[in-house]
N, C-alpha and C. Protein backbone atom coordinates (compact mmCIF):
# COMPACT_ATOMS: atom_id res chain seq x y z
N UNK A 1 97.69 63.04 40.72
CA UNK A 1 98.73 63.84 41.32
C UNK A 1 98.14 65.09 41.96
N UNK A 2 97.12 65.67 41.32
CA UNK A 2 96.51 66.90 41.85
C UNK A 2 95.91 66.73 43.23
N UNK A 3 95.07 65.69 43.45
CA UNK A 3 94.50 65.51 44.79
C UNK A 3 95.56 65.27 45.86
N UNK A 4 96.63 64.60 45.50
CA UNK A 4 97.71 64.35 46.46
C UNK A 4 98.41 65.65 46.86
N UNK A 5 98.66 66.52 45.88
CA UNK A 5 99.27 67.81 46.18
C UNK A 5 98.33 68.69 46.99
N UNK A 6 97.02 68.62 46.70
CA UNK A 6 96.04 69.40 47.45
C UNK A 6 95.97 68.93 48.90
N UNK A 7 96.02 67.63 49.11
CA UNK A 7 96.00 67.09 50.47
C UNK A 7 97.26 67.49 51.23
N UNK A 8 98.40 67.42 50.59
CA UNK A 8 99.66 67.83 51.23
C UNK A 8 99.62 69.32 51.58
N UNK A 9 99.03 70.12 50.71
CA UNK A 9 98.92 71.55 50.96
C UNK A 9 98.01 71.81 52.16
N UNK A 10 96.89 71.12 52.23
CA UNK A 10 95.95 71.31 53.34
C UNK A 10 96.57 70.88 54.68
N UNK A 11 97.27 69.77 54.67
CA UNK A 11 97.92 69.30 55.90
C UNK A 11 99.01 70.28 56.32
N UNK A 12 99.80 70.73 55.36
CA UNK A 12 100.85 71.71 55.68
C UNK A 12 100.27 73.01 56.23
N UNK A 13 99.19 73.49 55.64
CA UNK A 13 98.56 74.72 56.12
C UNK A 13 98.05 74.55 57.54
N UNK A 14 97.44 73.42 57.83
CA UNK A 14 96.93 73.17 59.17
C UNK A 14 98.04 73.12 60.21
N UNK A 15 99.13 72.46 59.88
CA UNK A 15 100.25 72.36 60.81
C UNK A 15 100.87 73.73 61.06
N UNK A 16 101.09 74.47 59.99
CA UNK A 16 101.71 75.79 60.13
C UNK A 16 100.80 76.75 60.90
N UNK A 17 99.50 76.67 60.68
CA UNK A 17 98.56 77.53 61.39
C UNK A 17 98.57 77.22 62.89
N UNK A 18 98.58 75.95 63.23
CA UNK A 18 98.61 75.55 64.64
C UNK A 18 99.91 75.95 65.32
N UNK A 19 101.03 75.64 64.68
CA UNK A 19 102.34 75.95 65.27
C UNK A 19 102.55 77.47 65.34
N UNK A 20 102.10 78.18 64.32
CA UNK A 20 102.21 79.64 64.35
C UNK A 20 101.44 80.25 65.50
N UNK A 21 100.27 79.70 65.79
CA UNK A 21 99.50 80.17 66.94
C UNK A 21 100.22 79.92 68.25
N UNK A 22 100.83 78.77 68.36
CA UNK A 22 101.58 78.47 69.59
C UNK A 22 102.80 79.37 69.74
N UNK A 23 103.53 79.56 68.65
CA UNK A 23 104.75 80.36 68.71
C UNK A 23 104.46 81.85 68.91
N UNK A 24 103.31 82.32 68.47
CA UNK A 24 103.02 83.74 68.60
C UNK A 24 102.78 84.15 70.05
N UNK A 25 102.60 83.20 70.92
CA UNK A 25 102.50 83.50 72.35
C UNK A 25 103.86 83.83 72.96
N UNK A 26 104.92 83.32 72.34
CA UNK A 26 106.26 83.46 72.91
C UNK A 26 107.14 84.47 72.19
N UNK A 27 106.82 84.77 70.95
CA UNK A 27 107.67 85.65 70.14
C UNK A 27 106.80 86.70 69.45
N UNK A 28 107.40 87.79 68.99
CA UNK A 28 106.62 88.81 68.28
C UNK A 28 105.99 88.25 67.00
N UNK A 29 104.79 88.70 66.73
CA UNK A 29 104.05 88.16 65.59
C UNK A 29 104.73 88.46 64.25
N UNK A 30 105.48 89.56 64.18
CA UNK A 30 106.13 89.89 62.91
C UNK A 30 107.23 88.88 62.57
N UNK A 31 107.96 88.44 63.56
CA UNK A 31 109.01 87.45 63.29
C UNK A 31 108.42 86.10 62.93
N UNK A 32 107.31 85.74 63.56
CA UNK A 32 106.64 84.48 63.25
C UNK A 32 106.10 84.52 61.82
N UNK A 33 105.51 85.65 61.43
CA UNK A 33 104.98 85.79 60.08
C UNK A 33 106.10 85.73 59.05
N UNK A 34 107.20 86.43 59.32
CA UNK A 34 108.33 86.42 58.39
C UNK A 34 108.89 85.02 58.21
N UNK A 35 109.09 84.29 59.30
CA UNK A 35 109.63 82.94 59.20
C UNK A 35 108.66 82.00 58.48
N UNK A 36 107.37 82.19 58.69
CA UNK A 36 106.38 81.38 58.00
C UNK A 36 106.40 81.62 56.50
N UNK A 37 106.50 82.88 56.10
CA UNK A 37 106.55 83.22 54.68
C UNK A 37 107.85 82.71 54.05
N UNK A 38 108.94 82.83 54.77
CA UNK A 38 110.23 82.35 54.27
C UNK A 38 110.21 80.83 54.09
N UNK A 39 109.62 80.14 55.04
CA UNK A 39 109.51 78.68 54.93
C UNK A 39 108.62 78.27 53.76
N UNK A 40 107.54 79.00 53.55
CA UNK A 40 106.68 78.73 52.41
C UNK A 40 107.37 78.95 51.09
N UNK A 41 108.19 79.99 51.01
CA UNK A 41 108.94 80.26 49.79
C UNK A 41 109.94 79.14 49.50
N UNK A 42 110.62 78.67 50.53
CA UNK A 42 111.59 77.58 50.35
C UNK A 42 110.88 76.31 49.86
N UNK A 43 109.74 75.99 50.47
CA UNK A 43 109.00 74.79 50.05
C UNK A 43 108.44 74.94 48.64
N UNK A 44 107.97 76.12 48.29
CA UNK A 44 107.44 76.34 46.94
C UNK A 44 108.54 76.21 45.90
N UNK A 45 109.72 76.74 46.19
CA UNK A 45 110.84 76.60 45.25
C UNK A 45 111.27 75.15 45.12
N UNK A 46 111.30 74.42 46.23
CA UNK A 46 111.65 73.00 46.17
C UNK A 46 110.62 72.23 45.36
N UNK A 47 109.34 72.51 45.55
CA UNK A 47 108.29 71.83 44.80
C UNK A 47 108.37 72.16 43.32
N UNK A 48 108.74 73.39 42.99
CA UNK A 48 108.84 73.79 41.59
C UNK A 48 109.94 73.00 40.88
N UNK A 49 110.99 72.67 41.58
CA UNK A 49 112.07 71.90 40.96
C UNK A 49 111.78 70.39 40.94
N UNK A 50 111.01 69.91 41.92
CA UNK A 50 110.76 68.48 42.02
C UNK A 50 109.58 68.01 41.18
N UNK A 51 108.56 68.84 41.05
CA UNK A 51 107.36 68.47 40.29
C UNK A 51 107.52 69.04 38.89
N UNK A 52 107.67 68.16 37.93
CA UNK A 52 107.90 68.62 36.57
C UNK A 52 106.58 68.75 35.81
N UNK A 53 106.60 69.58 34.79
CA UNK A 53 105.46 69.76 33.90
C UNK A 53 105.92 69.59 32.47
N UNK A 54 105.05 69.00 31.66
CA UNK A 54 105.40 68.81 30.25
C UNK A 54 105.46 70.14 29.53
N UNK A 55 104.45 70.95 29.72
CA UNK A 55 104.41 72.28 29.09
C UNK A 55 103.88 73.28 30.09
N UNK A 56 104.31 74.50 29.98
CA UNK A 56 103.83 75.60 30.82
C UNK A 56 103.28 76.68 29.88
N UNK A 57 102.00 76.94 30.02
CA UNK A 57 101.35 77.97 29.20
C UNK A 57 101.30 79.28 29.99
N UNK A 58 101.08 80.37 29.29
CA UNK A 58 100.99 81.68 29.94
C UNK A 58 99.81 81.72 30.92
N UNK A 59 98.73 81.02 30.61
CA UNK A 59 97.57 81.02 31.51
C UNK A 59 97.85 80.28 32.82
N UNK A 60 98.86 79.42 32.85
CA UNK A 60 99.24 78.74 34.09
C UNK A 60 99.91 79.67 35.08
N UNK A 61 100.46 80.74 34.61
CA UNK A 61 101.20 81.65 35.47
C UNK A 61 100.32 82.72 36.13
N UNK A 62 99.08 82.84 35.67
CA UNK A 62 98.22 83.89 36.22
C UNK A 62 97.05 83.33 36.93
């Protein structure tokens, strides 16, 4: 499961980096950055609910 999540993360980062570069030519960079961070937060929250863990230790959070 770990390698699959890492691959999905790398592909997502590459796509967002490319699209962000294209969009920053047409719109202010602050709005592009804000929308990118907001999209990342939404995806991270969705992944947190979809990918379950048996136990969560304090060391996992740091």
